[in-house]
């Protein structure tokens, strides 16, 4: 692939995010960083270093809807904006969707046993919305679709880290633009998010994520251009390491279930030093391990007075 990496600053703990300018029958930008002035200047500079102006970009493709990737779609008013259909809800931010999002999280947090004093603090976090662009998608990308302007570049739906997540595989070079599916130095946290059908059935993000890693493994990619950090070449080895680490952590969670516990109780134990400051993230991680344990038949779940409790079976 004829690709140019643009490293963009973010205000998030994860640090810089990577965007990629792909040359072909049309000029395409993959991901656009969070909507800050510092990021805008870095994006403009990076496109200029590649020999282009902002208005030369013909289409912007989003690997997923998270704000560190989907902010500056607003900087390309003449370009086509593409991504998974689910991304559009986050870009449009209609009152109906925001209400549904808030109610989804309130319901899930109560099921997890989170005290009411924490719930609104989590639900009302606005950073993820304020850093997002507001330009709607002009076209939805389907699983397996070939990308316009880039013959042989195929989209694969890979949920887990995000319900909207896509990777893009070039069949000629066997290289791929991977978003946050697999990263060099950090794990891609499978986050609790509303489902793509906008129901109240919570997706099992870690289970999805492992399935998506298996898709990536089967593709035998030669090089993965990642959303954060460096490019990857020893991809299948790293996939195995990530999955085994998750399984090991899940077994540690199982050991804590000598008596039945809810998600919040487990999170306080697992992440005692940080759970108050990163409650949404740490709850997501705990839920992921419990979903894995349920999936392999190691736990059962009972609903008691509106809260889900997990029981060890093995």
C-alpha atoms as a PDB file:
ATOM      1  CA  UNK A   1       0.000   0.000   0.000  1.00  0.00           C
ATOM      2  CA  UNK A   2       1.123   3.538  -0.756  1.00  0.00           C
ATOM      3  CA  UNK A   3       0.492   4.838   2.733  1.00  0.00           C
ATOM      4  CA  UNK A   4       1.629   7.815   4.813  1.00  0.00           C
ATOM      5  CA  UNK A   5       1.325   7.796   8.613  1.00  0.00           C
ATOM      6  CA  UNK A   6       0.273  10.976  10.411  1.00  0.00           C
ATOM      7  CA  UNK A   7       0.825  10.993  14.176  1.00  0.00           C
ATOM      8  CA  UNK A   8      -1.733  13.124  16.008  1.00  0.00           C
ATOM      9  CA  UNK A   9      -1.734  14.295  19.641  1.00  0.00           C
ATOM     10  CA  UNK A  10      -4.680  13.502  21.910  1.00  0.00           C
ATOM     11  CA  UNK A  11      -5.671  14.654  25.410  1.00  0.00           C
ATOM     12  CA  UNK A  12      -6.192  11.032  26.463  1.00  0.00           C
ATOM     13  CA  UNK A  13      -3.961   8.774  28.584  1.00  0.00           C
ATOM     14  CA  UNK A  14      -3.406   6.521  25.562  1.00  0.00           C
ATOM     15  CA  UNK A  15      -1.296   9.276  23.988  1.00  0.00           C
ATOM     16  CA  UNK A  16      -0.913   9.907  20.266  1.00  0.00           C
ATOM     17  CA  UNK A  17      -3.224   8.385  17.670  1.00  0.00           C
ATOM     18  CA  UNK A  18      -2.270   7.422  14.117  1.00  0.00           C
ATOM     19  CA  UNK A  19      -4.089   8.521  10.990  1.00  0.00           C
ATOM     20  CA  UNK A  20      -3.156   7.170   7.568  1.00  0.00           C
ATOM     21  CA  UNK A  21      -3.265   8.822   4.166  1.00  0.00           C
ATOM     22  CA  UNK A  22      -3.716   6.175   1.482  1.00  0.00           C
ATOM     23  CA  UNK A  23      -3.009   6.969  -2.149  1.00  0.00           C
ATOM     24  CA  UNK A  24      -4.836   5.150  -4.937  1.00  0.00           C
ATOM     25  CA  UNK A  25      -7.493   5.995  -7.488  1.00  0.00           C
ATOM     26  CA  UNK A  26      -8.612   8.495  -4.856  1.00  0.00           C
ATOM     27  CA  UNK A  27      -6.905  10.033  -1.815  1.00  0.00           C
ATOM     28  CA  UNK A  28      -8.301   8.572   1.400  1.00  0.00           C
ATOM     29  CA  UNK A  29      -7.667   9.482   5.033  1.00  0.00           C
ATOM     30  CA  UNK A  30      -8.188   6.718   7.582  1.00  0.00           C
ATOM     31  CA  UNK A  31      -9.194   8.219  10.957  1.00  0.00           C
ATOM     32  CA  UNK A  32      -9.008  11.865  11.886  1.00  0.00           C
ATOM     33  CA  UNK A  33      -8.005  12.276  15.551  1.00  0.00           C
ATOM     34  CA  UNK A  34      -9.951  14.028  18.337  1.00  0.00           C
ATOM     35  CA  UNK A  35     -11.478  17.448  17.788  1.00  0.00           C
ATOM     36  CA  UNK A  36      -8.855  19.690  19.379  1.00  0.00           C
ATOM     37  CA  UNK A  37      -6.977  22.595  17.813  1.00  0.00           C
ATOM     38  CA  UNK A  38      -3.619  20.913  18.445  1.00  0.00           C
ATOM     39  CA  UNK A  39      -4.788  17.820  16.588  1.00  0.00           C
ATOM     40  CA  UNK A  40      -6.142  19.895  13.696  1.00  0.00           C
ATOM     41  CA  UNK A  41      -2.790  21.614  13.195  1.00  0.00           C
ATOM     42  CA  UNK A  42      -0.927  18.288  13.315  1.00  0.00           C
ATOM     43  CA  UNK A  43      -3.368  16.761  10.818  1.00  0.00           C
ATOM     44  CA  UNK A  44      -3.020  19.680   8.420  1.00  0.00           C
ATOM     45  CA  UNK A  45       0.771  19.547   8.745  1.00  0.00           C
ATOM     46  CA  UNK A  46       0.872  15.786   8.171  1.00  0.00           C
ATOM     47  CA  UNK A  47      -1.218  15.997   5.026  1.00  0.00           C
ATOM     48  CA  UNK A  48       1.013  18.836   3.774  1.00  0.00           C
ATOM     49  CA  UNK A  49       4.159  16.754   4.453  1.00  0.00           C
ATOM     50  CA  UNK A  50       2.704  14.055   2.220  1.00  0.00           C
ATOM     51  CA  UNK A  51       2.427  16.618  -0.581  1.00  0.00           C
ATOM     52  CA  UNK A  52      -1.280  17.443  -0.321  1.00  0.00           C
ATOM     53  CA  UNK A  53      -3.701  20.021   0.990  1.00  0.00           C
ATOM     54  CA  UNK A  54      -6.697  19.302   3.234  1.00  0.00           C
ATOM     55  CA  UNK A  55      -9.080  19.847   0.329  1.00  0.00           C
ATOM     56  CA  UNK A  56      -7.266  17.160  -1.713  1.00  0.00           C
ATOM     57  CA  UNK A  57      -8.647  14.443   0.571  1.00  0.00           C
ATOM     58  CA  UNK A  58     -11.536  12.812  -1.295  1.00  0.00           C
ATOM     59  CA  UNK A  59     -12.791  10.445   1.358  1.00  0.00           C
ATOM     60  CA  UNK A  60     -12.368   9.949   5.103  1.00  0.00           C
ATOM     61  CA  UNK A  61     -12.855   6.426   6.445  1.00  0.00           C
ATOM     62  CA  UNK A  62     -13.295   5.766  10.165  1.00  0.00           C
ATOM     63  CA  UNK A  63     -12.090   2.512  11.701  1.00  0.00           C
ATOM     64  CA  UNK A  64     -14.491   3.132  14.603  1.00  0.00           C
ATOM     65  CA  UNK A  65     -16.453   5.827  16.396  1.00  0.00           C
ATOM     66  CA  UNK A  66     -14.253   6.586  19.420  1.00  0.00           C
ATOM     67  CA  UNK A  67     -13.421  10.284  19.748  1.00  0.00           C
ATOM     68  CA  UNK A  68      -9.647   9.885  19.396  1.00  0.00           C
ATOM     69  CA  UNK A  69     -10.335   8.594  15.866  1.00  0.00           C
ATOM     70  CA  UNK A  70     -13.487  10.366  14.713  1.00  0.00           C
ATOM     71  CA  UNK A  71     -13.084  14.041  15.624  1.00  0.00           C
ATOM     72  CA  UNK A  72     -11.901  15.959  12.592  1.00  0.00           C
ATOM     73  CA  UNK A  73     -14.302  14.569  10.011  1.00  0.00           C
ATOM     74  CA  UNK A  74     -15.605  18.149  10.222  1.00  0.00           C
ATOM     75  CA  UNK A  75     -12.394  19.398   8.560  1.00  0.00           C
ATOM     76  CA  UNK A  76     -13.291  17.774   5.231  1.00  0.00           C
ATOM     77  CA  UNK A  77     -16.634  19.237   4.109  1.00  0.00           C
ATOM     78  CA  UNK A  78     -16.095  18.258   0.462  1.00  0.00           C
ATOM     79  CA  UNK A  79     -15.027  14.672   1.169  1.00  0.00           C
ATOM     80  CA  UNK A  80     -17.086  11.511   1.434  1.00  0.00           C
ATOM     81  CA  UNK A  81     -17.234  10.289   5.046  1.00  0.00           C
ATOM     82  CA  UNK A  82     -17.442   6.506   5.441  1.00  0.00           C
ATOM     83  CA  UNK A  83     -17.647   4.021   8.298  1.00  0.00           C
ATOM     84  CA  UNK A  84     -19.825   1.393   9.948  1.00  0.00           C
ATOM     85  CA  UNK A  85     -23.474   2.410  10.198  1.00  0.00           C
ATOM     86  CA  UNK A  86     -23.209   2.515  14.010  1.00  0.00           C
ATOM     87  CA  UNK A  87     -20.727   5.414  13.747  1.00  0.00           C
ATOM     88  CA  UNK A  88     -23.484   7.644  12.407  1.00  0.00           C
ATOM     89  CA  UNK A  89     -25.362   7.607  15.713  1.00  0.00           C
ATOM     90  CA  UNK A  90     -22.327   9.065  17.478  1.00  0.00           C
ATOM     91  CA  UNK A  91     -21.673  11.701  14.820  1.00  0.00           C
ATOM     92  CA  UNK A  92     -25.291  12.865  14.589  1.00  0.00           C
ATOM     93  CA  UNK A  93     -25.824  12.787  18.376  1.00  0.00           C
ATOM     94  CA  UNK A  94     -29.590  13.137  18.068  1.00  0.00           C
ATOM     95  CA  UNK A  95     -31.488  13.761  21.321  1.00  0.00           C
ATOM     96  CA  UNK A  96     -33.168  10.374  20.863  1.00  0.00           C
ATOM     97  CA  UNK A  97     -29.859   8.540  20.614  1.00  0.00           C
ATOM     98  CA  UNK A  98     -28.287  10.395  23.565  1.00  0.00           C
ATOM     99  CA  UNK A  99     -31.353   9.550  25.692  1.00  0.00           C
ATOM    100  CA  UNK A 100     -31.135   5.901  24.635  1.00  0.00           C
ATOM    101  CA  UNK A 101     -27.373   5.827  25.345  1.00  0.00           C
ATOM    102  CA  UNK A 102     -27.871   7.260  28.823  1.00  0.00           C
ATOM    103  CA  UNK A 103     -30.705   4.850  29.647  1.00  0.00           C
ATOM    104  CA  UNK A 104     -28.688   1.886  28.370  1.00  0.00           C
ATOM    105  CA  UNK A 105     -25.804   2.731  30.700  1.00  0.00           C
ATOM    106  CA  UNK A 106     -28.059   3.432  33.674  1.00  0.00           C
ATOM    107  CA  UNK A 107     -29.697   0.024  33.256  1.00  0.00           C
ATOM    108  CA  UNK A 108     -26.363  -1.788  32.888  1.00  0.00           C
ATOM    109  CA  UNK A 109     -24.743  -0.013  35.829  1.00  0.00           C
ATOM    110  CA  UNK A 110     -27.635  -0.907  38.121  1.00  0.00           C
ATOM    111  CA  UNK A 111     -27.445  -4.543  37.017  1.00  0.00           C
ATOM    112  CA  UNK A 112     -23.747  -4.440  37.903  1.00  0.00           C
ATOM    113  CA  UNK A 113     -24.495  -3.298  41.454  1.00  0.00           C
ATOM    114  CA  UNK A 114     -22.971   0.156  41.022  1.00  0.00           C
ATOM    115  CA  UNK A 115     -24.174   2.539  43.768  1.00  0.00           C
ATOM    116  CA  UNK A 116     -26.414   5.369  42.570  1.00  0.00           C
ATOM    117  CA  UNK A 117     -23.846   7.978  43.648  1.00  0.00           C
ATOM    118  CA  UNK A 118     -21.516   6.787  40.887  1.00  0.00           C
ATOM    119  CA  UNK A 119     -24.020   6.197  38.093  1.00  0.00           C
ATOM    120  CA  UNK A 120     -24.723   9.740  36.899  1.00  0.00           C
ATOM    121  CA  UNK A 121     -21.016  10.580  37.071  1.00  0.00           C
ATOM    122  CA  UNK A 122     -20.363   7.814  34.544  1.00  0.00           C
ATOM    123  CA  UNK A 123     -23.404   8.441  32.368  1.00  0.00           C
ATOM    124  CA  UNK A 124     -22.903  12.184  32.055  1.00  0.00           C
ATOM    125  CA  UNK A 125     -19.261  12.090  30.961  1.00  0.00           C
ATOM    126  CA  UNK A 126     -19.313  14.429  27.955  1.00  0.00           C
ATOM    127  CA  UNK A 127     -15.701  14.227  26.760  1.00  0.00           C
ATOM    128  CA  UNK A 128     -16.428  11.386  24.345  1.00  0.00           C
ATOM    129  CA  UNK A 129     -19.134  13.466  22.659  1.00  0.00           C
ATOM    130  CA  UNK A 130     -17.402  16.852  22.700  1.00  0.00           C
ATOM    131  CA  UNK A 131     -14.288  15.488  20.973  1.00  0.00           C
ATOM    132  CA  UNK A 132     -16.334  13.830  18.223  1.00  0.00           C
ATOM    133  CA  UNK A 133     -17.073  15.342  14.853  1.00  0.00           C
ATOM    134  CA  UNK A 134     -20.654  16.114  13.879  1.00  0.00           C
ATOM    135  CA  UNK A 135     -20.521  15.514  10.113  1.00  0.00           C
ATOM    136  CA  UNK A 136     -22.715  12.488   9.347  1.00  0.00           C
ATOM    137  CA  UNK A 137     -21.533   9.595   7.238  1.00  0.00           C
ATOM    138  CA  UNK A 138     -22.234   9.876   3.528  1.00  0.00           C
ATOM    139  CA  UNK A 139     -21.920   6.109   3.018  1.00  0.00           C
ATOM    140  CA  UNK A 140     -21.995   3.007   5.226  1.00  0.00           C
ATOM    141  CA  UNK A 141     -19.331   0.327   4.851  1.00  0.00           C
ATOM    142  CA  UNK A 142     -20.484  -3.291   4.972  1.00  0.00           C
ATOM    143  CA  UNK A 143     -18.506  -6.307   6.159  1.00  0.00           C
ATOM    144  CA  UNK A 144     -16.592  -7.722   3.170  1.00  0.00           C
ATOM    145  CA  UNK A 145     -17.033  -4.618   1.029  1.00  0.00           C
ATOM    146  CA  UNK A 146     -14.286  -3.424  -1.335  1.00  0.00           C
ATOM    147  CA  UNK A 147     -13.358   0.208  -0.699  1.00  0.00           C
ATOM    148  CA  UNK A 148     -14.056   2.642  -3.512  1.00  0.00           C
ATOM    149  CA  UNK A 149     -10.894   4.070  -5.057  1.00  0.00           C
ATOM    150  CA  UNK A 150      -8.708   1.239  -3.728  1.00  0.00           C
ATOM    151  CA  UNK A 151      -9.194  -1.993  -5.704  1.00  0.00           C
ATOM    152  CA  UNK A 152      -8.450  -5.043  -3.553  1.00  0.00           C
ATOM    153  CA  UNK A 153      -8.873  -3.183  -0.237  1.00  0.00           C
ATOM    154  CA  UNK A 154     -11.519  -5.073   1.734  1.00  0.00           C
ATOM    155  CA  UNK A 155     -13.337  -4.187   4.970  1.00  0.00           C
ATOM    156  CA  UNK A 156     -13.750  -6.696   7.816  1.00  0.00           C
ATOM    157  CA  UNK A 157     -16.130  -6.123  10.716  1.00  0.00           C
ATOM    158  CA  UNK A 158     -14.182  -6.684  13.953  1.00  0.00           C
ATOM    159  CA  UNK A 159     -16.248  -5.653  17.015  1.00  0.00           C
ATOM    160  CA  UNK A 160     -15.055  -5.862  20.596  1.00  0.00           C
ATOM    161  CA  UNK A 161     -13.000  -2.771  21.318  1.00  0.00           C
ATOM    162  CA  UNK A 162     -15.823  -0.848  19.654  1.00  0.00           C
ATOM    163  CA  UNK A 163     -19.153  -2.020  18.260  1.00  0.00           C
ATOM    164  CA  UNK A 164     -18.387  -0.118  15.041  1.00  0.00           C
ATOM    165  CA  UNK A 165     -14.864  -1.436  14.512  1.00  0.00           C
ATOM    166  CA  UNK A 166     -13.591  -2.204  11.001  1.00  0.00           C
ATOM    167  CA  UNK A 167     -10.187  -3.181   9.652  1.00  0.00           C
ATOM    168  CA  UNK A 168      -9.110  -2.844   6.026  1.00  0.00           C
ATOM    169  CA  UNK A 169      -7.020  -5.516   4.314  1.00  0.00           C
ATOM    170  CA  UNK A 170      -5.147  -4.973   1.052  1.00  0.00           C
ATOM    171  CA  UNK A 171      -5.287  -8.281  -0.814  1.00  0.00           C
ATOM    172  CA  UNK A 172      -2.257  -7.417  -2.979  1.00  0.00           C
ATOM    173  CA  UNK A 173       0.270  -6.566  -0.261  1.00  0.00           C
ATOM    174  CA  UNK A 174      -1.484  -8.492   2.547  1.00  0.00           C
ATOM    175  CA  UNK A 175      -1.090  -5.409   4.720  1.00  0.00           C
ATOM    176  CA  UNK A 176      -3.934  -3.980   6.788  1.00  0.00           C
ATOM    177  CA  UNK A 177      -5.086  -0.791   8.465  1.00  0.00           C
ATOM    178  CA  UNK A 178      -6.117  -2.133  11.855  1.00  0.00           C
ATOM    179  CA  UNK A 179      -7.517   0.714  13.950  1.00  0.00           C
ATOM    180  CA  UNK A 180      -7.395  -0.376  17.596  1.00  0.00           C
ATOM    181  CA  UNK A 181      -7.913  -4.093  17.022  1.00  0.00           C
ATOM    182  CA  UNK A 182      -4.336  -4.956  18.013  1.00  0.00           C
ATOM    183  CA  UNK A 183      -1.784  -2.497  19.406  1.00  0.00           C
ATOM    184  CA  UNK A 184       1.958  -2.656  19.937  1.00  0.00           C
ATOM    185  CA  UNK A 185       2.372  -2.032  23.666  1.00  0.00           C
ATOM    186  CA  UNK A 186      -1.101  -1.842  25.200  1.00  0.00           C
ATOM    187  CA  UNK A 187      -4.203  -4.017  25.243  1.00  0.00           C
ATOM    188  CA  UNK A 188      -7.237  -2.818  23.299  1.00  0.00           C
ATOM    189  CA  UNK A 189      -9.815  -2.605  26.057  1.00  0.00           C
ATOM    190  CA  UNK A 190     -13.140  -4.187  25.031  1.00  0.00           C
ATOM    191  CA  UNK A 191     -15.558  -1.534  26.218  1.00  0.00           C
ATOM    192  CA  UNK A 192     -19.192  -1.908  27.266  1.00  0.00           C
ATOM    193  CA  UNK A 193     -21.214  -0.130  24.578  1.00  0.00           C
ATOM    194  CA  UNK A 194     -24.811  -0.121  23.389  1.00  0.00           C
ATOM    195  CA  UNK A 195     -25.432  -2.749  20.697  1.00  0.00           C
ATOM    196  CA  UNK A 196     -25.673  -1.901  17.007  1.00  0.00           C
ATOM    197  CA  UNK A 197     -29.420  -2.699  16.991  1.00  0.00           C
ATOM    198  CA  UNK A 198     -29.943  -0.104  19.770  1.00  0.00           C
ATOM    199  CA  UNK A 199     -31.633  -2.620  22.041  1.00  0.00           C
ATOM    200  CA  UNK A 200     -30.889  -3.015  25.755  1.00  0.00           C
ATOM    201  CA  UNK A 201     -29.080  -6.333  25.302  1.00  0.00           C
ATOM    202  CA  UNK A 202     -25.446  -5.763  26.256  1.00  0.00           C
ATOM    203  CA  UNK A 203     -22.892  -7.141  23.781  1.00  0.00           C
ATOM    204  CA  UNK A 204     -20.233  -9.410  25.296  1.00  0.00           C
ATOM    205  CA  UNK A 205     -17.328  -7.232  24.224  1.00  0.00           C
ATOM    206  CA  UNK A 206     -14.387  -9.406  25.306  1.00  0.00           C
ATOM    207  CA  UNK A 207     -15.896 -12.479  23.660  1.00  0.00           C
ATOM    208  CA  UNK A 208     -16.455 -10.427  20.508  1.00  0.00           C
ATOM    209  CA  UNK A 209     -12.910  -9.110  20.731  1.00  0.00           C
ATOM    210  CA  UNK A 210     -11.363 -12.577  20.915  1.00  0.00           C
ATOM    211  CA  UNK A 211     -13.442 -13.636  17.908  1.00  0.00           C
ATOM    212  CA  UNK A 212     -12.209 -10.585  16.005  1.00  0.00           C
ATOM    213  CA  UNK A 213      -8.595 -11.408  16.890  1.00  0.00           C
ATOM    214  CA  UNK A 214      -9.168 -14.890  15.475  1.00  0.00           C
ATOM    215  CA  UNK A 215     -10.411 -13.294  12.240  1.00  0.00           C
ATOM    216  CA  UNK A 216      -7.205 -11.247  12.110  1.00  0.00           C
ATOM    217  CA  UNK A 217      -5.128 -14.335  12.853  1.00  0.00           C
ATOM    218  CA  UNK A 218      -6.722 -16.281  10.006  1.00  0.00           C
ATOM    219  CA  UNK A 219      -5.920 -13.470   7.579  1.00  0.00           C
ATOM    220  CA  UNK A 220      -2.147 -13.942   8.159  1.00  0.00           C
ATOM    221  CA  UNK A 221      -1.446 -10.241   7.694  1.00  0.00           C
ATOM    222  CA  UNK A 222       2.162  -9.315   6.843  1.00  0.00           C
ATOM    223  CA  UNK A 223       1.999  -5.805   8.359  1.00  0.00           C
ATOM    224  CA  UNK A 224      -0.627  -4.093  10.509  1.00  0.00           C
ATOM    225  CA  UNK A 225      -0.838  -0.314  10.588  1.00  0.00           C
ATOM    226  CA  UNK A 226      -2.204   0.358  14.066  1.00  0.00           C
ATOM    227  CA  UNK A 227      -4.215   3.156  15.627  1.00  0.00           C
ATOM    228  CA  UNK A 228      -1.633   3.772  18.373  1.00  0.00           C
ATOM    229  CA  UNK A 229       2.084   3.035  18.445  1.00  0.00           C
ATOM    230  CA  UNK A 230       4.183   1.303  15.830  1.00  0.00           C
ATOM    231  CA  UNK A 231       3.334  -0.983  12.938  1.00  0.00           C
ATOM    232  CA  UNK A 232       3.140  -4.705  13.716  1.00  0.00           C
ATOM    233  CA  UNK A 233       4.670  -7.645  11.845  1.00  0.00           C
ATOM    234  CA  UNK A 234       4.677 -10.482  14.425  1.00  0.00           C
ATOM    235  CA  UNK A 235       0.914 -10.290  14.485  1.00  0.00           C
ATOM    236  CA  UNK A 236      -0.197 -13.852  15.201  1.00  0.00           C
ATOM    237  CA  UNK A 237       2.305 -14.216  18.029  1.00  0.00           C
ATOM    238  CA  UNK A 238       0.991 -11.051  19.687  1.00  0.00           C
ATOM    239  CA  UNK A 239      -2.614 -12.211  19.241  1.00  0.00           C
ATOM    240  CA  UNK A 240      -1.825 -15.414  21.144  1.00  0.00           C
ATOM    241  CA  UNK A 241      -0.153 -13.428  23.929  1.00  0.00           C
ATOM    242  CA  UNK A 242      -3.127 -11.064  24.272  1.00  0.00           C
ATOM    243  CA  UNK A 243      -5.695 -13.880  24.401  1.00  0.00           C
ATOM    244  CA  UNK A 244      -3.692 -15.928  26.901  1.00  0.00           C
ATOM    245  CA  UNK A 245      -3.261 -12.895  29.140  1.00  0.00           C
ATOM    246  CA  UNK A 246      -7.026 -12.342  29.139  1.00  0.00           C
ATOM    247  CA  UNK A 247      -7.654 -15.997  29.973  1.00  0.00           C
ATOM    248  CA  UNK A 248      -5.157 -15.858  32.837  1.00  0.00           C
ATOM    249  CA  UNK A 249      -6.794 -12.735  34.244  1.00  0.00           C
ATOM    250  CA  UNK A 250     -10.221 -14.365  33.943  1.00  0.00           C
ATOM    251  CA  UNK A 251      -8.984 -17.306  36.009  1.00  0.00           C
ATOM    252  CA  UNK A 252      -7.864 -14.846  38.687  1.00  0.00           C
ATOM    253  CA  UNK A 253     -11.396 -13.436  38.702  1.00  0.00           C
ATOM    254  CA  UNK A 254     -12.785 -16.962  39.060  1.00  0.00           C
ATOM    255  CA  UNK A 255     -10.679 -17.448  42.188  1.00  0.00           C
ATOM    256  CA  UNK A 256     -12.383 -14.420  43.749  1.00  0.00           C
ATOM    257  CA  UNK A 257     -15.781 -16.090  43.403  1.00  0.00           C
ATOM    258  CA  UNK A 258     -15.482 -18.291  46.480  1.00  0.00           C
ATOM    259  CA  UNK A 259     -18.727 -16.546  47.391  1.00  0.00           C
ATOM    260  CA  UNK A 260     -21.141 -14.964  44.880  1.00  0.00           C
ATOM    261  CA  UNK A 261     -20.277 -11.390  43.902  1.00  0.00           C
ATOM    262  CA  UNK A 262     -21.569  -8.706  41.587  1.00  0.00           C
ATOM    263  CA  UNK A 263     -19.518  -6.765  39.039  1.00  0.00           C
ATOM    264  CA  UNK A 264     -19.000  -3.724  41.246  1.00  0.00           C
ATOM    265  CA  UNK A 265     -17.765  -5.801  44.185  1.00  0.00           C
ATOM    266  CA  UNK A 266     -15.269  -7.603  41.957  1.00  0.00           C
ATOM    267  CA  UNK A 267     -14.110  -4.357  40.365  1.00  0.00           C
ATOM    268  CA  UNK A 268     -13.362  -2.821  43.780  1.00  0.00           C
ATOM    269  CA  UNK A 269     -11.135  -5.813  44.553  1.00  0.00           C
ATOM    270  CA  UNK A 270      -9.457  -6.122  41.145  1.00  0.00           C
ATOM    271  CA  UNK A 271      -8.784  -2.413  40.687  1.00  0.00           C
ATOM    272  CA  UNK A 272      -8.702  -1.129  44.253  1.00  0.00           C
ATOM    273  CA  UNK A 273      -6.261   1.721  43.510  1.00  0.00           C
ATOM    274  CA  UNK A 274      -7.902   3.128  40.373  1.00  0.00           C
ATOM    275  CA  UNK A 275     -11.555   2.068  40.159  1.00  0.00           C
ATOM    276  CA  UNK A 276     -12.952   5.367  41.478  1.00  0.00           C
ATOM    277  CA  UNK A 277     -11.066   7.424  38.884  1.00  0.00           C
ATOM    278  CA  UNK A 278     -11.596   4.966  36.002  1.00  0.00           C
ATOM    279  CA  UNK A 279     -14.856   3.298  36.967  1.00  0.00           C
ATOM    280  CA  UNK A 280     -16.285   2.942  33.466  1.00  0.00           C
ATOM    281  CA  UNK A 281     -13.117   1.325  32.114  1.00  0.00           C
ATOM    282  CA  UNK A 282     -12.530  -0.974  35.099  1.00  0.00           C
ATOM    283  CA  UNK A 283     -16.144  -2.139  35.115  1.00  0.00           C
ATOM    284  CA  UNK A 284     -15.821  -2.948  31.397  1.00  0.00           C
ATOM    285  CA  UNK A 285     -12.715  -5.024  32.044  1.00  0.00           C
ATOM    286  CA  UNK A 286     -14.339  -6.937  34.916  1.00  0.00           C
ATOM    287  CA  UNK A 287     -17.460  -7.624  32.861  1.00  0.00           C
ATOM    288  CA  UNK A 288     -15.307  -8.875  30.009  1.00  0.00           C
ATOM    289  CA  UNK A 289     -13.622 -11.489  32.205  1.00  0.00           C
ATOM    290  CA  UNK A 290     -16.975 -12.589  33.618  1.00  0.00           C
ATOM    291  CA  UNK A 291     -18.428 -12.895  30.102  1.00  0.00           C
ATOM    292  CA  UNK A 292     -15.479 -15.083  29.153  1.00  0.00           C
ATOM    293  CA  UNK A 293     -16.027 -17.274  32.224  1.00  0.00           C
ATOM    294  CA  UNK A 294     -19.728 -17.567  31.446  1.00  0.00           C
ATOM    295  CA  UNK A 295     -18.902 -18.443  27.829  1.00  0.00           C
ATOM    296  CA  UNK A 296     -16.692 -21.369  28.909  1.00  0.00           C
ATOM    297  CA  UNK A 297     -19.223 -22.590  31.481  1.00  0.00           C
ATOM    298  CA  UNK A 298     -17.234 -21.622  34.580  1.00  0.00           C
ATOM    299  CA  UNK A 299     -19.863 -19.379  36.188  1.00  0.00           C
ATOM    300  CA  UNK A 300     -23.612 -19.010  36.440  1.00  0.00           C
ATOM    301  CA  UNK A 301     -25.571 -15.796  36.950  1.00  0.00           C
ATOM    302  CA  UNK A 302     -28.580 -15.002  39.147  1.00  0.00           C
ATOM    303  CA  UNK A 303     -30.602 -11.791  39.260  1.00  0.00           C
ATOM    304  CA  UNK A 304     -31.191 -10.839  42.898  1.00  0.00           C
ATOM    305  CA  UNK A 305     -33.144  -7.656  43.702  1.00  0.00           C
ATOM    306  CA  UNK A 306     -32.191  -6.097  40.360  1.00  0.00           C
ATOM    307  CA  UNK A 307     -28.472  -6.947  40.551  1.00  0.00           C
ATOM    308  CA  UNK A 308     -26.610  -9.731  38.724  1.00  0.00           C
ATOM    309  CA  UNK A 309     -24.550 -12.055  40.952  1.00  0.00           C
ATOM    310  CA  UNK A 310     -21.930 -14.460  39.632  1.00  0.00           C
ATOM    311  CA  UNK A 311     -21.427 -17.951  41.080  1.00  0.00           C
ATOM    312  CA  UNK A 312     -18.398 -20.164  40.493  1.00  0.00           C
ATOM    313  CA  UNK A 313     -19.207 -23.560  38.985  1.00  0.00           C
ATOM    314  CA  UNK A 314     -15.720 -25.080  38.821  1.00  0.00           C
END
